[in-house]
Amino acid sequence: MLPLLLLAACTHDDAPASPAGIPLPPDTYPLQIASVTISADGQPRTRLTDEGNTTTWQEGDQIMVSLGDKQAVYTYTNTNTWHSDTPLYWENTTQQEVNAWHPVNETIDFTQQSTKGLTYLLKADPVTADQPSVNLTFTHQLAKVRVVLSGTQAGQVETVAVHGYTSCTHNQGSISTEGAQQDWITMHPVDATTYEANVV
């Protein structure tokens, strides 16, 4: 009796078994996000922003994750994990594609960067898996413009602006500027002479 109970307990925690296509018990094998990194300059990074000394995602940051035809919002917590109130589950042992993107909102506003910090759009490389745990690697979908002023009066400049789309939409991380307007975007001050903005 005891060996049978131990086998049952271990089976619950293990990865879905082969062969492919076997149905799994409902709500038994949740999708687990093992790591989320961002590829920048060819190097993986764990941070969403490259300002200051921020080294990880900030608590409350959200990504949308899709598993097959289902989607769920996952939120970064102060325990360095990703949690969802409605987690995704593996329903069978067939390989499925996992996608993710940030932000969750499909409308992106570029006009608030001067006061609220840089605007980001990130899209994860698709992962084909049949295991509960996946690693997500995001890439930036926007271009960063950086202006560094020089000269004796550089520190007296109050604002710097760049011309571009003031908003856009995205579909699972893919940009669309259909119907978007262009205007001047006030850039974010990094220091007295350096300004940045992310743009389409």
N, C-alpha and C. Protein backbone atom coordinates (compact mmCIF):
# COMPACT_ATOMS: atom_id res chain seq x y z
N MET A 1 0.82 -1.21 0.00
CA MET A 1 0.00 0.00 0.00
C MET A 1 0.86 1.27 0.00
N LEU A 2 1.89 1.31 0.88
CA LEU A 2 2.74 2.49 0.97
C LEU A 2 3.44 2.81 -0.34
N PRO A 3 4.07 1.82 -1.04
CA PRO A 3 4.70 2.13 -2.33
C PRO A 3 3.71 2.73 -3.33
N LEU A 4 2.48 2.25 -3.33
CA LEU A 4 1.48 2.78 -4.25
C LEU A 4 1.17 4.24 -3.94
N LEU A 5 1.07 4.58 -2.65
CA LEU A 5 0.81 5.97 -2.27
C LEU A 5 1.97 6.88 -2.66
N LEU A 6 3.19 6.41 -2.46
CA LEU A 6 4.37 7.20 -2.85
C LEU A 6 4.41 7.42 -4.34
N LEU A 7 4.07 6.40 -5.12
CA LEU A 7 4.06 6.51 -6.58
C LEU A 7 3.03 7.54 -7.01
N ALA A 8 1.86 7.51 -6.39
CA ALA A 8 0.82 8.47 -6.75
C ALA A 8 1.26 9.90 -6.43
N ALA A 9 1.92 10.10 -5.29
CA ALA A 9 2.38 11.43 -4.91
C ALA A 9 3.43 11.94 -5.87
N CYS A 10 4.36 11.09 -6.29
CA CYS A 10 5.42 11.50 -7.22
C CYS A 10 4.84 11.80 -8.59
N THR A 11 3.87 11.04 -9.03
CA THR A 11 3.31 11.23 -10.35
C THR A 11 2.67 12.60 -10.48
N HIS A 12 2.08 13.08 -9.40
CA HIS A 12 1.42 14.38 -9.43
C HIS A 12 2.41 15.52 -9.69
N ASP A 13 3.63 15.40 -9.20
CA ASP A 13 4.61 16.47 -9.32
C ASP A 13 5.47 16.37 -10.57
N ASP A 14 5.51 15.21 -11.19
CA ASP A 14 6.39 15.03 -12.34
C ASP A 14 5.81 15.68 -13.59
N ALA A 15 6.67 15.80 -14.62
CA ALA A 15 6.23 16.36 -15.90
C ALA A 15 5.27 15.40 -16.57
N PRO A 16 4.38 15.92 -17.48
CA PRO A 16 3.49 15.04 -18.20
C PRO A 16 4.27 13.95 -18.92
N ALA A 17 3.72 12.76 -18.93
CA ALA A 17 4.42 11.61 -19.48
C ALA A 17 4.12 11.43 -20.97
N SER A 18 5.02 10.75 -21.67
CA SER A 18 4.82 10.37 -23.05
C SER A 18 4.02 9.07 -23.06
N PRO A 19 3.41 8.67 -24.16
CA PRO A 19 3.44 9.33 -25.46
C PRO A 19 2.57 10.59 -25.52
N ALA A 20 2.76 11.36 -26.59
CA ALA A 20 2.06 12.63 -26.73
C ALA A 20 0.56 12.41 -26.91
N GLY A 21 -0.20 13.42 -26.49
CA GLY A 21 -1.63 13.41 -26.72
C GLY A 21 -2.45 12.83 -25.59
N ILE A 22 -1.84 12.30 -24.55
CA ILE A 22 -2.60 11.72 -23.45
C ILE A 22 -3.27 12.82 -22.64
N PRO A 23 -4.59 12.74 -22.43
CA PRO A 23 -5.27 13.76 -21.61
C PRO A 23 -4.73 13.75 -20.18
N LEU A 24 -4.66 14.94 -19.59
CA LEU A 24 -4.20 15.09 -18.22
C LEU A 24 -5.37 15.48 -17.33
N PRO A 25 -5.32 15.10 -16.05
CA PRO A 25 -6.41 15.49 -15.14
C PRO A 25 -6.57 17.00 -15.10
N PRO A 26 -7.80 17.51 -15.11
CA PRO A 26 -8.03 18.97 -15.09
C PRO A 26 -7.36 19.65 -13.89
N ASP A 27 -6.80 20.84 -14.13
CA ASP A 27 -6.22 21.68 -13.08
C ASP A 27 -5.14 20.97 -12.26
N THR A 28 -4.39 20.09 -12.93
CA THR A 28 -3.36 19.31 -12.24
C THR A 28 -1.96 19.77 -12.57
N TYR A 29 -1.70 20.14 -13.84
CA TYR A 29 -0.36 20.53 -14.27
C TYR A 29 -0.36 22.00 -14.70
N PRO A 30 -0.18 22.92 -13.76
CA PRO A 30 -0.17 24.35 -14.13
C PRO A 30 1.08 24.73 -14.91
N LEU A 31 0.93 25.68 -15.80
CA LEU A 31 2.08 26.24 -16.50
C LEU A 31 2.94 26.98 -15.48
N GLN A 32 4.22 26.66 -15.43
CA GLN A 32 5.13 27.30 -14.49
C GLN A 32 6.15 28.12 -15.27
N ILE A 33 6.29 29.39 -14.92
CA ILE A 33 7.26 30.26 -15.58
C ILE A 33 8.54 30.23 -14.76
N ALA A 34 9.52 29.50 -15.27
CA ALA A 34 10.77 29.31 -14.53
C ALA A 34 11.62 30.58 -14.54
N SER A 35 11.68 31.26 -15.68
CA SER A 35 12.48 32.48 -15.76
C SER A 35 11.95 33.37 -16.86
N VAL A 36 12.14 34.67 -16.69
CA VAL A 36 11.77 35.66 -17.69
C VAL A 36 12.96 36.59 -17.87
N THR A 37 13.55 36.56 -19.04
CA THR A 37 14.69 37.42 -19.33
C THR A 37 14.38 38.28 -20.54
N ILE A 38 15.17 39.33 -20.71
CA ILE A 38 15.02 40.24 -21.84
C ILE A 38 16.33 40.28 -22.59
N SER A 39 16.29 40.01 -23.88
CA SER A 39 17.49 40.03 -24.71
C SER A 39 17.73 41.45 -25.19
N ALA A 40 18.89 41.99 -24.85
CA ALA A 40 19.26 43.34 -25.26
C ALA A 40 20.74 43.34 -25.64
N ASP A 41 21.05 43.86 -26.79
CA ASP A 41 22.43 43.90 -27.27
C ASP A 41 23.04 42.51 -27.32
N GLY A 42 22.18 41.51 -27.57
CA GLY A 42 22.67 40.15 -27.67
C GLY A 42 22.91 39.48 -26.33
N GLN A 43 22.66 40.19 -25.23
CA GLN A 43 22.89 39.63 -23.90
C GLN A 43 21.57 39.51 -23.16
N PRO A 44 21.32 38.38 -22.50
CA PRO A 44 20.09 38.25 -21.72
C PRO A 44 20.15 39.08 -20.45
N ARG A 45 19.06 39.75 -20.16
CA ARG A 45 18.99 40.55 -18.94
C ARG A 45 17.67 40.24 -18.25
N THR A 46 17.65 40.41 -16.95
CA THR A 46 16.43 40.13 -16.22
C THR A 46 15.63 41.39 -15.96
N ARG A 47 16.08 42.52 -16.41
CA ARG A 47 15.43 43.76 -16.04
C ARG A 47 14.54 44.30 -17.15
N LEU A 48 13.47 44.96 -16.74
CA LEU A 48 12.57 45.59 -17.68
C LEU A 48 13.11 46.94 -18.13
N THR A 49 13.77 47.65 -17.22
CA THR A 49 14.29 48.97 -17.54
C THR A 49 15.80 49.00 -17.34
N ASP A 50 16.47 49.84 -18.12
CA ASP A 50 17.92 49.95 -17.95
C ASP A 50 18.29 51.28 -17.29
N GLU A 51 17.34 51.87 -16.58
CA GLU A 51 17.62 53.10 -15.86
C GLU A 51 18.04 52.78 -14.43
N GLY A 52 18.96 53.55 -13.90
CA GLY A 52 19.36 53.38 -12.52
C GLY A 52 19.96 52.01 -12.28
N ASN A 53 19.70 51.46 -11.11
CA ASN A 53 20.26 50.18 -10.73
C ASN A 53 19.21 49.07 -10.66
N THR A 54 18.07 49.25 -11.36
CA THR A 54 17.03 48.24 -11.36
C THR A 54 17.56 46.97 -12.00
N THR A 55 17.50 45.86 -11.27
CA THR A 55 18.07 44.61 -11.77
C THR A 55 17.02 43.54 -12.04
N THR A 56 15.78 43.75 -11.64
CA THR A 56 14.73 42.79 -11.90
C THR A 56 13.46 43.51 -12.31
N TRP A 57 12.48 42.72 -12.72
CA TRP A 57 11.15 43.29 -12.93
C TRP A 57 10.66 43.85 -11.61
N GLN A 58 9.79 44.83 -11.66
CA GLN A 58 9.27 45.43 -10.45
C GLN A 58 7.97 44.74 -10.04
N GLU A 59 7.74 44.68 -8.75
CA GLU A 59 6.53 44.03 -8.24
C GLU A 59 5.30 44.68 -8.86
N GLY A 60 4.41 43.85 -9.36
CA GLY A 60 3.18 44.35 -9.99
C GLY A 60 3.25 44.39 -11.50
N ASP A 61 4.46 44.28 -12.09
CA ASP A 61 4.57 44.21 -13.55
C ASP A 61 3.80 43.00 -14.06
N GLN A 62 3.14 43.16 -15.20
CA GLN A 62 2.30 42.09 -15.72
C GLN A 62 2.69 41.72 -17.14
N ILE A 63 2.55 40.44 -17.44
CA ILE A 63 2.69 39.94 -18.80
C ILE A 63 1.46 39.09 -19.12
N MET A 64 1.09 39.08 -20.40
CA MET A 64 0.03 38.19 -20.86
C MET A 64 0.70 36.95 -21.45
N VAL A 65 0.23 35.78 -21.05
CA VAL A 65 0.81 34.52 -21.51
C VAL A 65 -0.29 33.71 -22.19
N SER A 66 0.05 33.11 -23.32
CA SER A 66 -0.90 32.25 -24.01
C SER A 66 -0.33 30.83 -24.09
N LEU A 67 -1.20 29.87 -23.86
CA LEU A 67 -0.87 28.45 -23.99
C LEU A 67 -1.94 27.84 -24.87
N GLY A 68 -1.56 27.50 -26.10
CA GLY A 68 -2.57 27.05 -27.06
C GLY A 68 -3.52 28.18 -27.36
N ASP A 69 -4.82 27.97 -27.15
CA ASP A 69 -5.81 29.01 -27.44
C ASP A 69 -6.29 29.72 -26.19
N LYS A 70 -5.60 29.54 -25.07
CA LYS A 70 -5.99 30.17 -23.81
C LYS A 70 -4.96 31.21 -23.39
N GLN A 71 -5.44 32.26 -22.69
CA GLN A 71 -4.56 33.33 -22.23
C GLN A 71 -4.81 33.62 -20.75
N ALA A 72 -3.77 34.12 -20.09
CA ALA A 72 -3.90 34.52 -18.69
C ALA A 72 -2.86 35.58 -18.37
N VAL A 73 -3.20 36.47 -17.44
CA VAL A 73 -2.29 37.51 -16.97
C VAL A 73 -1.46 36.96 -15.82
N TYR A 74 -0.13 37.12 -15.92
CA TYR A 74 0.77 36.73 -14.85
C TYR A 74 1.44 37.98 -14.29
N THR A 75 1.51 38.07 -12.97
CA THR A 75 2.01 39.26 -12.28
C THR A 75 3.28 38.93 -11.52
N TYR A 76 4.26 39.82 -11.64
CA TYR A 76 5.54 39.62 -10.93
C TYR A 76 5.35 39.96 -9.46
N THR A 77 5.83 39.08 -8.58
CA THR A 77 5.67 39.28 -7.14
C THR A 77 7.01 39.57 -6.49
N ASN A 78 6.96 39.98 -5.23
CA ASN A 78 8.19 40.31 -4.51
C ASN A 78 8.97 39.07 -4.11
N THR A 79 8.49 37.89 -4.46
CA THR A 79 9.23 36.65 -4.20
C THR A 79 9.94 36.16 -5.45
N ASN A 80 10.09 37.05 -6.43
CA ASN A 80 10.78 36.74 -7.68
C ASN A 80 10.09 35.61 -8.46
N THR A 81 8.77 35.59 -8.39
CA THR A 81 8.00 34.60 -9.12
C THR A 81 6.87 35.29 -9.89
N TRP A 82 6.26 34.54 -10.79
CA TRP A 82 5.13 35.03 -11.58
C TRP A 82 3.88 34.28 -11.17
N HIS A 83 2.84 35.02 -10.81
CA HIS A 83 1.61 34.43 -10.28
C HIS A 83 0.42 34.88 -11.12
N SER A 84 -0.55 33.98 -11.28
CA SER A 84 -1.80 34.31 -11.98
C SER A 84 -2.98 33.87 -11.13
N ASP A 85 -4.00 34.72 -11.07
CA ASP A 85 -5.23 34.35 -10.37
C ASP A 85 -6.02 33.32 -11.18
N THR A 86 -5.76 33.27 -12.48
CA THR A 86 -6.42 32.28 -13.36
C THR A 86 -5.35 31.56 -14.17
N PRO A 87 -4.52 30.73 -13.53
CA PRO A 87 -3.36 30.13 -14.21
C PRO A 87 -3.77 29.22 -15.36
N LEU A 88 -2.83 29.07 -16.29
CA LEU A 88 -3.01 28.17 -17.43
C LEU A 88 -2.57 26.76 -17.02
N TYR A 89 -3.25 25.76 -17.59
CA TYR A 89 -2.93 24.37 -17.27
C TYR A 89 -2.69 23.57 -18.54
N TRP A 90 -1.77 22.63 -18.47
CA TRP A 90 -1.57 21.67 -19.55
C TRP A 90 -2.75 20.70 -19.52
N GLU A 91 -3.40 20.55 -20.65
CA GLU A 91 -4.58 19.68 -20.72
C GLU A 91 -4.25 18.30 -21.27
N ASN A 92 -3.12 18.19 -22.00
CA ASN A 92 -2.68 16.89 -22.50
C ASN A 92 -1.17 16.96 -22.73
N THR A 93 -0.58 15.87 -23.19
CA THR A 93 0.87 15.81 -23.35
C THR A 93 1.32 16.19 -24.75
N THR A 94 0.43 16.74 -25.56
CA THR A 94 0.81 17.22 -26.88
C THR A 94 1.62 18.52 -26.75
N GLN A 95 2.66 18.66 -27.54
CA GLN A 95 3.44 19.90 -27.51
C GLN A 95 2.56 21.08 -27.92
N GLN A 96 2.70 22.18 -27.20
CA GLN A 96 1.94 23.38 -27.50
C GLN A 96 2.88 24.59 -27.49
N GLU A 97 2.43 25.64 -28.16
CA GLU A 97 3.24 26.86 -28.24
C GLU A 97 2.85 27.81 -27.11
N VAL A 98 3.88 28.31 -26.43
CA VAL A 98 3.69 29.29 -25.36
C VAL A 98 4.19 30.64 -25.87
N ASN A 99 3.34 31.65 -25.78
CA ASN A 99 3.71 33.01 -26.18
C ASN A 99 3.46 33.96 -25.01
N ALA A 100 4.12 35.10 -25.04
CA ALA A 100 3.90 36.09 -23.98
C ALA A 100 4.26 37.47 -24.50
N TRP A 101 3.66 38.49 -23.88
CA TRP A 101 3.95 39.86 -24.29
C TRP A 101 3.67 40.82 -23.14
N HIS A 102 4.25 42.00 -23.23
CA HIS A 102 4.10 43.07 -22.24
C HIS A 102 4.10 44.40 -23.00
N PRO A 103 3.15 45.30 -22.74
CA PRO A 103 2.17 45.27 -21.66
C PRO A 103 0.93 44.46 -22.02
N VAL A 104 0.09 44.26 -21.01
CA VAL A 104 -1.16 43.53 -21.22
C VAL A 104 -2.11 44.39 -22.04
N ASN A 105 -2.15 45.69 -21.76
CA ASN A 105 -3.00 46.61 -22.50
C ASN A 105 -2.54 46.71 -23.95
N GLU A 106 -3.46 46.66 -24.90
CA GLU A 106 -3.10 46.66 -26.31
C GLU A 106 -2.82 48.05 -26.86
N THR A 107 -3.16 49.11 -26.11
CA THR A 107 -2.90 50.48 -26.54
C THR A 107 -1.68 51.02 -25.80
N ILE A 108 -0.75 51.59 -26.56
CA ILE A 108 0.50 52.10 -25.97
C ILE A 108 0.57 53.61 -26.17
N ASP A 109 0.79 54.34 -25.08
CA ASP A 109 0.86 55.79 -25.10
C ASP A 109 2.32 56.22 -24.92
N PHE A 110 2.83 57.01 -25.86
CA PHE A 110 4.22 57.46 -25.79
C PHE A 110 4.36 58.87 -25.21
N THR A 111 3.25 59.51 -24.86
CA THR A 111 3.29 60.92 -24.46
C THR A 111 3.57 61.12 -22.98
N GLN A 112 3.63 60.06 -22.18
CA GLN A 112 3.82 60.19 -20.74
C GLN A 112 5.25 59.92 -20.28
N GLN A 113 6.16 59.75 -21.22
CA GLN A 113 7.51 59.31 -20.86
C GLN A 113 8.31 60.34 -20.08
N SER A 114 8.02 61.61 -20.30
CA SER A 114 8.79 62.66 -19.62
C SER A 114 8.57 62.62 -18.11
N THR A 115 7.39 62.13 -17.67
CA THR A 115 7.08 62.13 -16.25
C THR A 115 6.97 60.72 -15.65
N LYS A 116 6.58 59.73 -16.45
CA LYS A 116 6.34 58.39 -15.92
C LYS A 116 7.40 57.37 -16.29
N GLY A 117 8.42 57.80 -17.03
CA GLY A 117 9.46 56.85 -17.43
C GLY A 117 9.19 56.28 -18.80
N LEU A 118 10.13 55.50 -19.30
CA LEU A 118 10.07 55.00 -20.66
C LEU A 118 8.91 54.02 -20.85
N THR A 119 8.35 54.05 -22.06
CA THR A 119 7.29 53.14 -22.45
C THR A 119 7.91 51.93 -23.12
N TYR A 120 7.41 50.73 -22.77
CA TYR A 120 8.00 49.50 -23.30
C TYR A 120 6.97 48.66 -24.03
N LEU A 121 7.45 47.93 -25.04
CA LEU A 121 6.69 46.86 -25.67
C LEU A 121 7.65 45.69 -25.83
N LEU A 122 7.31 44.57 -25.22
CA LEU A 122 8.16 43.39 -25.23
C LEU A 122 7.37 42.21 -25.76
N LYS A 123 8.05 41.38 -26.53
CA LYS A 123 7.44 40.17 -27.08
C LYS A 123 8.38 39.00 -26.85
N ALA A 124 7.83 37.90 -26.32
CA ALA A 124 8.65 36.73 -26.04
C ALA A 124 8.81 35.88 -27.29
N ASP A 125 9.97 35.26 -27.41
CA ASP A 125 10.16 34.28 -28.47
C ASP A 125 9.25 33.09 -28.19
N PRO A 126 8.50 32.61 -29.19
CA PRO A 126 7.61 31.47 -28.94
C PRO A 126 8.38 30.26 -28.44
N VAL A 127 7.80 29.55 -27.48
CA VAL A 127 8.39 28.34 -26.92
C VAL A 127 7.45 27.17 -27.18
N THR A 128 7.95 26.14 -27.85
CA THR A 128 7.17 24.93 -28.05
C THR A 128 7.58 23.91 -27.00
N ALA A 129 6.62 23.49 -26.18
CA ALA A 129 6.97 22.65 -25.05
C ALA A 129 5.83 21.71 -24.70
N ASP A 130 6.17 20.66 -23.96
CA ASP A 130 5.17 19.77 -23.38
C ASP A 130 5.49 19.54 -21.90
N GLN A 131 6.29 20.44 -21.33
CA GLN A 131 6.69 20.36 -19.93
C GLN A 131 6.00 21.47 -19.15
N PRO A 132 5.73 21.26 -17.86
CA PRO A 132 5.06 22.29 -17.07
C PRO A 132 5.85 23.60 -16.99
N SER A 133 7.19 23.52 -16.95
CA SER A 133 8.01 24.69 -16.71
C SER A 133 8.62 25.22 -18.02
N VAL A 134 8.51 26.53 -18.23
CA VAL A 134 9.07 27.13 -19.45
C VAL A 134 9.91 28.35 -19.08
N ASN A 135 10.88 28.66 -19.93
CA ASN A 135 11.69 29.87 -19.83
C ASN A 135 11.30 30.82 -20.95
N LEU A 136 11.02 32.06 -20.61
CA LEU A 136 10.58 33.05 -21.59
C LEU A 136 11.69 34.07 -21.81
N THR A 137 12.01 34.32 -23.08
CA THR A 137 13.00 35.34 -23.43
C THR A 137 12.33 36.41 -24.28
N PHE A 138 12.25 37.61 -23.75
CA PHE A 138 11.60 38.72 -24.44
C PHE A 138 12.62 39.53 -25.24
N THR A 139 12.13 40.16 -26.30
CA THR A 139 12.93 41.13 -27.06
C THR A 139 12.15 42.43 -27.16
N HIS A 140 12.87 43.54 -27.18
CA HIS A 140 12.25 44.86 -27.30
C HIS A 140 11.69 45.05 -28.71
N GLN A 141 10.49 45.63 -28.79
CA GLN A 141 9.84 45.87 -30.07
C GLN A 141 9.87 47.35 -30.46
N LEU A 142 10.40 48.19 -29.58
CA LEU A 142 10.49 49.63 -29.85
C LEU A 142 11.94 50.06 -30.01
N ALA A 143 12.14 51.24 -30.54
CA ALA A 143 13.48 51.80 -30.70
C ALA A 143 13.69 52.90 -29.66
N LYS A 144 14.86 52.87 -29.02
CA LYS A 144 15.18 53.92 -28.05
C LYS A 144 15.96 55.03 -28.73
N VAL A 145 15.51 56.26 -28.50
CA VAL A 145 16.24 57.45 -28.97
C VAL A 145 16.87 58.10 -27.75
N ARG A 146 18.17 58.33 -27.82
CA ARG A 146 18.89 58.99 -26.72
C ARG A 146 19.57 60.24 -27.25
N VAL A 147 19.35 61.34 -26.58
CA VAL A 147 19.96 62.61 -26.94
C VAL A 147 20.89 63.04 -25.82
N VAL A 148 22.15 63.28 -26.14
CA VAL A 148 23.12 63.77 -25.16
C VAL A 148 23.56 65.16 -25.61
N LEU A 149 23.21 66.16 -24.82
CA LEU A 149 23.54 67.54 -25.14
C LEU A 149 24.97 67.87 -24.72
N SER A 150 25.60 68.73 -25.48
CA SER A 150 26.95 69.17 -25.14
C SER A 150 27.03 70.68 -25.31
N GLY A 151 28.09 71.25 -24.80
CA GLY A 151 28.25 72.70 -24.90
C GLY A 151 28.05 73.36 -23.55
N THR A 152 28.40 74.61 -23.46
CA THR A 152 28.39 75.32 -22.18
C THR A 152 26.99 75.55 -21.64
N GLN A 153 25.98 75.55 -22.50
CA GLN A 153 24.62 75.81 -22.03
C GLN A 153 23.75 74.55 -22.05
N ALA A 154 24.36 73.38 -22.20
CA ALA A 154 23.59 72.14 -22.29
C ALA A 154 22.73 71.91 -21.06
N GLY A 155 23.27 72.25 -19.88
CA GLY A 155 22.53 72.03 -18.65
C GLY A 155 21.37 72.97 -18.43
N GLN A 156 21.22 73.99 -19.29
CA GLN A 156 20.13 74.94 -19.14
C GLN A 156 18.90 74.56 -19.95
N VAL A 157 19.01 73.54 -20.77
CA VAL A 157 17.88 73.09 -21.56
C VAL A 157 16.83 72.48 -20.64
N GLU A 158 15.57 72.86 -20.83
CA GLU A 158 14.50 72.38 -19.95
C GLU A 158 13.79 71.16 -20.51
N THR A 159 13.59 71.09 -21.81
CA THR A 159 12.91 69.94 -22.40
C THR A 159 13.53 69.61 -23.76
N VAL A 160 13.48 68.33 -24.10
CA VAL A 160 13.90 67.87 -25.42
C VAL A 160 12.77 66.98 -25.95
N ALA A 161 12.45 67.12 -27.24
CA ALA A 161 11.35 66.35 -27.81
C ALA A 161 11.80 65.66 -29.09
N VAL A 162 11.15 64.55 -29.40
CA VAL A 162 11.40 63.81 -30.63
C VAL A 162 10.06 63.66 -31.35
N HIS A 163 10.09 63.70 -32.68
CA HIS A 163 8.85 63.62 -33.45
C HIS A 163 8.58 62.17 -33.83
N GLY A 164 7.37 61.69 -33.57
CA GLY A 164 7.02 60.32 -33.92
C GLY A 164 5.58 60.03 -33.58
N TYR A 165 5.20 58.76 -33.67
CA TYR A 165 3.84 58.36 -33.31
C TYR A 165 3.62 58.57 -31.82
N THR A 166 2.51 59.22 -31.48
CA THR A 166 2.22 59.46 -30.07
C THR A 166 1.55 58.26 -29.40
N SER A 167 1.10 57.30 -30.21
CA SER A 167 0.51 56.09 -29.67
C SER A 167 0.55 55.02 -30.75
N CYS A 168 0.29 53.79 -30.35
CA CYS A 168 0.15 52.69 -31.29
C CYS A 168 -0.62 51.59 -30.59
N THR A 169 -0.97 50.56 -31.30
CA THR A 169 -1.59 49.39 -30.70
C THR A 169 -0.70 48.19 -30.99
N HIS A 170 -0.94 47.10 -30.28
CA HIS A 170 -0.19 45.88 -30.57
C HIS A 170 -1.10 44.67 -30.42
N ASN A 171 -0.82 43.67 -31.20
CA ASN A 171 -1.54 42.40 -31.14
C ASN A 171 -0.55 41.33 -30.72
N GLN A 172 -0.61 40.95 -29.45
CA GLN A 172 0.30 39.96 -28.89
C GLN A 172 1.76 40.34 -29.11
N GLY A 173 2.06 41.65 -28.99
CA GLY A 173 3.42 42.14 -29.11
C GLY A 173 3.81 42.65 -30.48
N SER A 174 2.95 42.47 -31.49
CA SER A 174 3.23 42.95 -32.85
C SER A 174 2.60 44.32 -33.05
N ILE A 175 3.41 45.31 -33.44
CA ILE A 175 2.98 46.70 -33.50
C ILE A 175 2.08 46.98 -34.70
N SER A 176 1.09 47.87 -34.47
CA SER A 176 0.29 48.42 -35.55
C SER A 176 0.16 49.93 -35.32
N THR A 177 0.41 50.73 -36.37
CA THR A 177 0.27 52.18 -36.26
C THR A 177 -0.93 52.67 -37.07
N GLU A 178 -1.80 51.76 -37.44
CA GLU A 178 -2.98 52.15 -38.22
C GLU A 178 -3.82 53.15 -37.45
N GLY A 179 -4.08 54.30 -38.07
CA GLY A 179 -4.87 55.34 -37.44
C GLY A 179 -4.13 56.18 -36.42
N ALA A 180 -2.86 55.90 -36.19
CA ALA A 180 -2.09 56.63 -35.18
C ALA A 180 -1.66 57.99 -35.71
N GLN A 181 -1.54 58.96 -34.83
CA GLN A 181 -1.13 60.31 -35.17
C GLN A 181 0.33 60.53 -34.79
N GLN A 182 0.99 61.44 -35.51
CA GLN A 182 2.37 61.81 -35.20
C GLN A 182 2.43 63.23 -34.64
N ASP A 183 3.31 63.42 -33.68
CA ASP A 183 3.48 64.74 -33.07
C ASP A 183 4.79 64.72 -32.28
N TRP A 184 5.07 65.79 -31.55
CA TRP A 184 6.28 65.86 -30.74
C TRP A 184 6.07 65.13 -29.42
N ILE A 185 7.04 64.32 -29.04
CA ILE A 185 7.01 63.55 -27.80
C ILE A 185 8.10 64.09 -26.88
N THR A 186 7.71 64.60 -25.73
CA THR A 186 8.69 65.10 -24.76
C THR A 186 9.46 63.93 -24.17
N MET A 187 10.79 64.02 -24.20
CA MET A 187 11.63 62.90 -23.79
C MET A 187 11.83 62.87 -22.28
N HIS A 188 12.24 61.71 -21.79
CA HIS A 188 12.47 61.51 -20.37
C HIS A 188 13.87 61.98 -19.99
N PRO A 189 14.01 62.86 -18.98
CA PRO A 189 15.33 63.33 -18.57
C PRO A 189 16.04 62.28 -17.71
N VAL A 190 17.19 61.81 -18.19
CA VAL A 190 17.99 60.85 -17.43
C VAL A 190 18.90 61.60 -16.46
N ASP A 191 19.52 62.66 -16.94
CA ASP A 191 20.29 63.56 -16.09
C ASP A 191 20.21 64.94 -16.72
N ALA A 192 21.07 65.86 -16.30
CA ALA A 192 20.96 67.26 -16.74
C ALA A 192 21.16 67.44 -18.23
N THR A 193 21.86 66.50 -18.89
CA THR A 193 22.15 66.67 -20.30
C THR A 193 21.76 65.46 -21.16
N THR A 194 21.12 64.46 -20.58
CA THR A 194 20.77 63.26 -21.33
C THR A 194 19.27 63.01 -21.29
N TYR A 195 18.69 62.74 -22.46
CA TYR A 195 17.26 62.53 -22.58
C TYR A 195 17.01 61.27 -23.41
N GLU A 196 15.94 60.51 -23.05
CA GLU A 196 15.62 59.29 -23.76
C GLU A 196 14.12 59.18 -24.02
N ALA A 197 13.77 58.43 -25.05
CA ALA A 197 12.37 58.10 -25.32
C ALA A 197 12.35 56.83 -26.15
N ASN A 198 11.39 55.98 -25.91
CA ASN A 198 11.16 54.83 -26.76
C ASN A 198 10.07 55.18 -27.76
N VAL A 199 10.29 54.83 -29.02
CA VAL A 199 9.37 55.20 -30.09
C VAL A 199 9.18 54.00 -31.01
N VAL A 200 8.15 54.10 -31.87
CA VAL A 200 7.92 53.06 -32.88
C VAL A 200 9.09 53.07 -33.86
